[in-house]
Amino acid sequence: MPNAANRVSVRPVPLSRDLTGALAADYSRRVTKAPIAPPVFRFAPSPNGDLHLGHAYSAIFSEREARKAGGRLLLRIEDIDTIRCRPIYAERMIEDLDWLGIVFDGPVMRQSEHVARHRQALAALEERGLVYPCFCSRADIAAVVTPMHPRDPEGAPLYPGICRSLPSAERQARMAAREPYALRLDMTKALARVPTLTFQEEGSGPAGEHGCVPAAPERWGDVVLARKDIRTSYHLAVVLDDAWQEVTTVSRGHDLFHATGVHRLLQQLFDLPEPLYHHHRLIGDETGRKLSKSAGDRSLRSLRRAGVTPTDIRQLLSQ
């Protein structure tokens, strides 16, 4: 696989074909022989709480790698979860990053402003028969899962396929009755459309993986690509938005390493360019637990109020 320095640039093209030949609509990309553009990195937090030291490390890491490569660093606010994400958190994130001294190139992208494109791509998968409506609740799934049932990389049971083979008439009737449902990717059908998948790891995975790494999207089973309350999933949105922003290197924590398999599959299905990946260590507390907003770990804002300086933060995270 060529390295970033040898790659040709990626530019948007306005297509309106379905996915049988190429990616649909103006979301698509193609590789052109235009002059080589600088590498593009991104930092993409979700505004469902204040930033903590783990976010600071990831932002500083991405900035360092971008500058070292002579590239650009973009900021994307991943706010598709309208239930948990709040505009006030987005504004506070931007303030914290500015205080930390992170310099971004170009305007902030807000993922929620691109949901129409996400839905357009999802509709293209529907047209190809690669997604199906799933009406199962968590209780429905739990009722058929045994202790020996296969698990995904995060330890959750793989979806047992209850709704995968529902008759079309039943699906349509339940949807017409406004029964809540999610859209799942039919993993078996999707894998049949693509060659063997790999990705180029420039950093290291949780077990030291480096270089050309086999992608294993099947480990996730029939992943959810959209829900009634969230019109697109993280997996779908991040793949499409990385391509839209012409990101050439995806830098992120070890906790997302295994998700790369799903992302490589979606890139292949949409005929999108393949970025490089650079996964980094996670910042934990004194017990080794990964820092988390949901766990109420101390935020950058609280550290600021306590008199901690950006220099203090950078020195602490360099250890």
Protein backbone atom coordinates (compact mmCIF):
# COMPACT_ATOMS: atom_id res chain seq x y z
CA MET A 1 0.00 0.00 0.00
CA PRO A 2 1.43 3.43 -0.88
CA ASN A 3 2.27 5.79 1.93
CA ALA A 4 0.65 9.18 2.35
CA ALA A 5 3.49 10.98 0.62
CA ASN A 6 2.95 9.03 -2.59
CA ARG A 7 -0.82 9.19 -2.70
CA VAL A 8 -2.68 11.15 -5.31
CA SER A 9 -5.13 13.74 -4.10
CA VAL A 10 -8.81 13.09 -3.54
CA ARG A 11 -11.38 15.55 -4.82
CA PRO A 12 -15.21 15.65 -4.67
CA VAL A 13 -17.15 15.03 -7.86
CA PRO A 14 -20.90 15.63 -8.34
CA LEU A 15 -22.29 12.20 -9.28
CA SER A 16 -25.91 11.14 -9.16
CA ARG A 17 -25.63 7.45 -10.02
CA ASP A 18 -26.71 4.63 -7.75
CA LEU A 19 -24.18 2.39 -6.07
CA THR A 20 -24.26 -0.33 -8.74
CA GLY A 21 -21.56 1.57 -10.59
CA ALA A 22 -20.18 4.18 -8.19
CA LEU A 23 -21.05 6.15 -5.10
CA ALA A 24 -24.34 8.02 -5.18
CA ALA A 25 -24.86 11.78 -5.37
CA ASP A 26 -22.44 14.56 -4.62
CA TYR A 27 -21.01 12.60 -1.68
CA SER A 28 -18.72 10.62 -3.93
CA ARG A 29 -15.00 10.94 -4.31
CA ARG A 30 -12.56 9.82 -6.96
CA VAL A 31 -8.81 9.69 -7.13
CA THR A 32 -7.40 12.14 -9.65
CA LYS A 33 -3.95 12.85 -10.98
CA ALA A 34 -4.11 16.41 -9.67
CA PRO A 35 -1.15 17.87 -7.78
CA ILE A 36 -0.60 16.07 -4.50
CA ALA A 37 -2.34 17.85 -1.62
CA PRO A 38 -0.96 18.05 1.93
CA PRO A 39 -2.02 15.25 4.32
CA VAL A 40 -5.24 15.94 6.22
CA PHE A 41 -5.82 14.92 9.86
CA ARG A 42 -8.85 15.58 12.03
CA PHE A 43 -9.97 15.76 15.65
CA ALA A 44 -13.62 14.79 16.03
CA PRO A 45 -15.13 14.97 19.54
CA SER A 46 -18.80 14.48 20.42
CA PRO A 47 -20.45 17.32 22.41
CA ASN A 48 -22.14 15.12 25.00
CA GLY A 49 -20.09 16.51 27.86
CA ASP A 50 -16.98 18.56 28.58
CA LEU A 51 -13.55 17.54 27.30
CA HIS A 52 -11.22 15.70 29.69
CA LEU A 53 -7.52 14.80 29.61
CA GLY A 54 -8.13 11.92 27.21
CA HIS A 55 -9.54 14.34 24.64
CA ALA A 56 -6.67 16.72 25.24
CA TYR A 57 -4.17 13.95 24.54
CA SER A 58 -5.92 12.96 21.30
CA ALA A 59 -6.11 16.58 20.10
CA ILE A 60 -2.45 17.25 20.90
CA PHE A 61 -1.45 13.96 19.29
CA SER A 62 -3.35 14.74 16.08
CA GLU A 63 -1.93 18.27 15.95
CA ARG A 64 1.62 16.98 16.40
CA GLU A 65 1.24 14.34 13.68
CA ALA A 66 -0.35 16.83 11.27
CA ARG A 67 2.44 19.37 11.72
CA LYS A 68 5.13 16.70 11.50
CA ALA A 69 3.68 15.58 8.16
CA GLY A 70 3.34 19.14 6.87
CA GLY A 71 -0.40 18.62 6.77
CA ARG A 72 -3.66 20.22 7.88
CA LEU A 73 -5.68 19.58 11.04
CA LEU A 74 -9.47 19.86 10.89
CA LEU A 75 -12.05 20.05 13.67
CA ARG A 76 -15.29 18.14 13.27
CA ILE A 77 -18.03 18.21 15.91
CA GLU A 78 -19.74 14.80 15.87
CA ASP A 79 -23.19 15.83 17.08
CA ILE A 80 -25.48 13.34 15.32
CA ASP A 81 -26.79 12.03 18.65
CA THR A 82 -29.43 14.69 19.22
CA ILE A 83 -30.48 13.08 22.51
CA ARG A 84 -27.14 13.43 24.32
CA CYS A 85 -25.32 16.13 22.35
CA ARG A 86 -25.85 19.79 23.26
CA PRO A 87 -24.79 22.97 21.41
CA ILE A 88 -23.47 24.41 24.67
CA TYR A 89 -21.00 21.52 24.97
CA ALA A 90 -19.83 22.12 21.40
CA GLU A 91 -19.10 25.77 22.18
CA ARG A 92 -17.31 24.82 25.39
CA MET A 93 -15.22 22.27 23.50
CA ILE A 94 -14.09 24.91 21.04
CA GLU A 95 -13.21 27.25 23.94
CA ASP A 96 -11.21 24.50 25.69
CA LEU A 97 -9.30 23.60 22.53
CA ASP A 98 -8.49 27.26 21.93
CA TRP A 99 -7.28 27.58 25.54
CA LEU A 100 -5.13 24.48 25.05
CA GLY A 101 -3.51 26.17 22.06
CA ILE A 102 -4.69 23.73 19.36
CA VAL A 103 -4.74 25.45 15.98
CA PHE A 104 -7.14 24.09 13.35
CA ASP A 105 -7.05 24.73 9.63
CA GLY A 106 -10.35 25.76 8.07
CA PRO A 107 -13.86 26.13 9.50
CA VAL A 108 -15.42 23.80 12.05
CA MET A 109 -17.56 21.07 10.49
CA ARG A 110 -20.71 20.08 12.39
CA GLN A 111 -21.78 16.57 11.55
CA SER A 112 -25.46 17.29 12.13
CA GLU A 113 -25.42 19.67 9.16
CA HIS A 114 -24.63 16.76 6.84
CA VAL A 115 -27.32 14.27 7.87
CA ALA A 116 -29.04 14.61 4.47
CA ARG A 117 -25.90 13.23 2.82
CA HIS A 118 -25.71 10.41 5.34
CA ARG A 119 -29.33 9.48 4.60
CA GLN A 120 -28.70 9.62 0.87
CA ALA A 121 -25.87 7.12 1.22
CA LEU A 122 -27.99 4.93 3.49
CA ALA A 123 -30.78 4.93 0.90
CA ALA A 124 -28.27 3.72 -1.68
CA LEU A 125 -27.44 0.74 0.54
CA GLU A 126 -31.17 0.06 0.91
CA GLU A 127 -31.55 0.02 -2.88
CA ARG A 128 -28.87 -2.64 -3.09
CA GLY A 129 -30.57 -4.80 -0.48
CA LEU A 130 -27.68 -4.46 1.96
CA VAL A 131 -29.66 -3.14 4.92
CA TYR A 132 -32.89 -4.31 6.55
CA PRO A 133 -35.27 -2.99 9.21
CA CYS A 134 -34.87 -4.53 12.65
CA PHE A 135 -37.79 -4.20 15.06
CA CYS A 136 -36.08 -5.93 18.00
CA SER A 137 -35.75 -4.29 21.38
CA ARG A 138 -32.82 -5.04 23.67
CA ALA A 139 -35.17 -7.34 25.61
CA ASP A 140 -36.07 -9.25 22.43
CA ILE A 141 -32.40 -9.87 21.72
CA ALA A 142 -31.56 -10.77 25.32
CA ALA A 143 -34.35 -13.36 25.33
CA VAL A 144 -32.62 -15.47 22.65
CA VAL A 145 -28.97 -14.88 23.55
CA THR A 146 -27.22 -17.58 25.57
CA PRO A 147 -24.02 -17.24 27.64
CA MET A 148 -22.15 -18.97 24.78
CA HIS A 149 -23.46 -16.60 22.11
CA PRO A 150 -20.74 -14.90 20.01
CA ARG A 151 -19.70 -11.44 21.16
CA ASP A 152 -18.39 -8.38 19.34
CA PRO A 153 -15.02 -6.77 20.22
CA GLU A 154 -16.71 -4.67 22.92
CA GLY A 155 -18.27 -7.73 24.55
CA ALA A 156 -21.86 -7.21 23.40
CA PRO A 157 -23.71 -10.21 21.92
CA LEU A 158 -23.85 -10.28 18.14
CA TYR A 159 -27.30 -9.63 16.74
CA PRO A 160 -28.93 -13.09 16.32
CA GLY A 161 -30.64 -12.22 13.03
CA ILE A 162 -34.23 -12.29 14.25
CA CYS A 163 -35.46 -9.77 11.66
CA ARG A 164 -32.98 -10.52 8.88
CA SER A 165 -35.30 -12.84 6.97
CA LEU A 166 -38.69 -11.31 7.72
CA PRO A 167 -41.06 -11.48 4.71
CA SER A 168 -41.21 -8.21 2.80
CA ALA A 169 -44.95 -7.88 3.42
CA GLU A 170 -44.46 -8.14 7.18
CA ARG A 171 -41.68 -5.57 7.11
CA GLN A 172 -43.79 -3.12 5.14
CA ALA A 173 -46.82 -3.63 7.40
CA ARG A 174 -44.83 -3.06 10.58
CA MET A 175 -43.16 0.03 9.14
CA ALA A 176 -46.51 1.38 7.97
CA ALA A 177 -47.81 0.87 11.51
CA ARG A 178 -44.94 3.09 12.70
CA GLU A 179 -43.38 0.35 14.76
CA PRO A 180 -39.93 1.56 15.89
CA TYR A 181 -37.05 0.00 14.00
CA ALA A 182 -33.35 0.32 13.29
CA LEU A 183 -31.60 -0.27 9.99
CA ARG A 184 -28.94 -2.96 10.15
CA LEU A 185 -26.25 -3.82 7.64
CA ASP A 186 -26.60 -7.38 6.35
CA MET A 187 -23.00 -8.34 7.03
CA THR A 188 -23.05 -11.55 5.00
CA LYS A 189 -24.40 -9.82 1.90
CA ALA A 190 -22.05 -6.87 2.31
CA LEU A 191 -18.97 -9.05 2.65
CA ALA A 192 -19.95 -10.89 -0.52
CA ARG A 193 -19.61 -7.58 -2.43
CA VAL A 194 -16.03 -6.78 -1.41
CA PRO A 195 -12.55 -8.34 -1.62
CA THR A 196 -10.48 -9.29 1.40
CA LEU A 197 -10.09 -6.13 3.47
CA THR A 198 -7.03 -4.73 5.22
CA PHE A 199 -5.95 -1.36 6.56
CA GLN A 200 -2.61 0.36 7.03
CA GLU A 201 -1.82 1.01 10.69
CA GLU A 202 0.80 3.72 11.13
CA GLY A 203 0.68 3.60 14.93
CA SER A 204 -0.20 0.47 16.86
CA GLY A 205 -3.29 -1.40 17.92
CA PRO A 206 -4.08 -2.62 21.45
CA ALA A 207 -1.99 -5.76 20.85
CA GLY A 208 0.79 -3.95 19.00
CA GLU A 209 -0.70 -4.38 15.52
CA HIS A 210 1.21 -2.36 12.93
CA GLY A 211 1.55 -2.12 9.16
CA CYS A 212 -0.91 -3.99 6.96
CA VAL A 213 -3.60 -5.27 9.34
CA PRO A 214 -6.45 -7.62 8.37
CA ALA A 215 -9.83 -5.92 8.76
CA ALA A 216 -12.49 -8.12 10.33
CA PRO A 217 -15.89 -6.42 10.03
CA GLU A 218 -17.65 -9.76 10.52
CA ARG A 219 -16.67 -9.61 14.20
CA TRP A 220 -19.37 -6.96 14.63
CA GLY A 221 -22.21 -8.86 12.99
CA ASP A 222 -25.15 -6.93 11.50
CA VAL A 223 -24.23 -3.49 12.82
CA VAL A 224 -26.85 -0.76 13.19
CA LEU A 225 -26.48 2.03 10.62
CA ALA A 226 -29.46 4.15 11.70
CA ARG A 227 -32.14 4.33 14.40
CA LYS A 228 -35.45 6.10 14.69
CA ASP A 229 -34.03 8.65 17.15
CA ILE A 230 -30.57 8.89 15.51
CA ARG A 231 -30.88 9.01 11.74
CA THR A 232 -27.35 7.83 11.08
CA SER A 233 -24.83 5.80 13.06
CA TYR A 234 -21.32 6.68 14.13
CA HIS A 235 -19.91 4.10 11.71
CA LEU A 236 -21.74 5.47 8.68
CA ALA A 237 -21.27 9.16 9.48
CA VAL A 238 -17.57 8.96 10.31
CA VAL A 239 -16.73 7.10 7.10
CA LEU A 240 -18.68 9.49 4.89
CA ASP A 241 -17.48 12.63 6.65
CA ASP A 242 -13.82 11.58 6.59
CA ALA A 243 -14.15 11.17 2.82
CA TRP A 244 -16.07 14.44 2.48
CA GLN A 245 -13.32 16.30 4.33
CA GLU A 246 -10.63 14.45 2.35
CA VAL A 247 -9.01 13.10 5.53
CA THR A 248 -5.89 11.12 4.64
CA THR A 249 -4.90 9.96 8.16
CA VAL A 250 -7.40 9.00 10.85
CA SER A 251 -5.77 9.38 14.27
CA ARG A 252 -7.77 8.15 17.26
CA GLY A 253 -7.57 6.01 20.41
CA HIS A 254 -7.17 2.27 20.80
CA ASP A 255 -10.83 1.97 21.78
CA LEU A 256 -11.77 2.49 18.11
CA PHE A 257 -9.15 0.18 16.62
CA HIS A 258 -11.48 -2.76 16.01
CA ALA A 259 -14.20 -0.51 14.54
CA THR A 260 -11.81 0.10 11.63
CA GLY A 261 -12.99 -3.21 10.14
CA VAL A 262 -16.53 -1.86 9.74
CA HIS A 263 -15.20 1.41 8.39
CA ARG A 264 -13.08 -0.32 5.76
CA LEU A 265 -16.12 -2.33 4.66
CA LEU A 266 -18.25 0.81 4.25
CA GLN A 267 -15.45 2.57 2.39
CA GLN A 268 -15.31 -0.33 -0.05
CA LEU A 269 -19.08 -0.46 -0.51
CA PHE A 270 -19.17 3.28 -1.25
CA ASP A 271 -16.05 3.22 -3.42
CA LEU A 272 -14.35 5.74 -1.14
CA PRO A 273 -10.60 6.30 -0.75
CA GLU A 274 -8.83 4.44 2.02
CA PRO A 275 -7.10 6.66 4.59
CA LEU A 276 -4.16 5.66 6.74
CA TYR A 277 -4.90 4.91 10.41
CA HIS A 278 -2.86 5.90 13.43
CA HIS A 279 -4.25 4.62 16.72
CA HIS A 280 -2.78 5.84 19.98
CA ARG A 281 -2.84 4.94 23.65
CA LEU A 282 -5.70 5.88 25.94
CA ILE A 283 -5.39 8.07 29.01
CA GLY A 284 -6.57 6.34 32.17
CA ASP A 285 -7.02 7.13 35.83
CA GLU A 286 -4.84 5.78 38.62
CA THR A 287 -6.50 2.36 38.29
CA GLY A 288 -5.92 2.22 34.54
CA ARG A 289 -9.58 2.79 33.67
CA LYS A 290 -10.09 4.83 30.50
CA LEU A 291 -11.24 8.38 31.21
CA SER A 292 -14.87 9.00 30.32
CA LYS A 293 -17.39 11.84 30.31
CA SER A 294 -20.11 9.47 31.51
CA ALA A 295 -18.01 8.51 34.53
CA GLY A 296 -17.71 12.18 35.49
CA ASP A 297 -13.94 12.31 35.10
CA ARG A 298 -12.43 15.72 35.76
CA SER A 299 -12.86 18.06 32.81
CA LEU A 300 -10.39 20.47 31.26
CA ARG A 301 -12.66 23.31 32.37
CA SER A 302 -12.41 22.25 36.00
CA LEU A 303 -8.63 21.98 35.68
CA ARG A 304 -8.57 25.50 34.22
CA ARG A 305 -10.57 26.81 37.17
CA ALA A 306 -8.09 25.12 39.52
CA GLY A 307 -5.24 27.09 37.96
CA VAL A 308 -3.77 24.38 35.71
CA THR A 309 -2.17 25.90 32.59
CA PRO A 310 -2.02 24.56 29.00
CA THR A 311 1.71 24.02 29.52
CA ASP A 312 0.94 21.91 32.60
CA ILE A 313 -1.49 19.81 30.57
CA ARG A 314 0.97 19.24 27.73
CA GLN A 315 3.78 18.31 30.12
CA LEU A 316 1.53 15.92 32.04
CA LEU A 317 0.38 14.17 28.87
CA SER A 318 3.91 13.86 27.48
CA GLN A 319 4.92 11.55 30.30
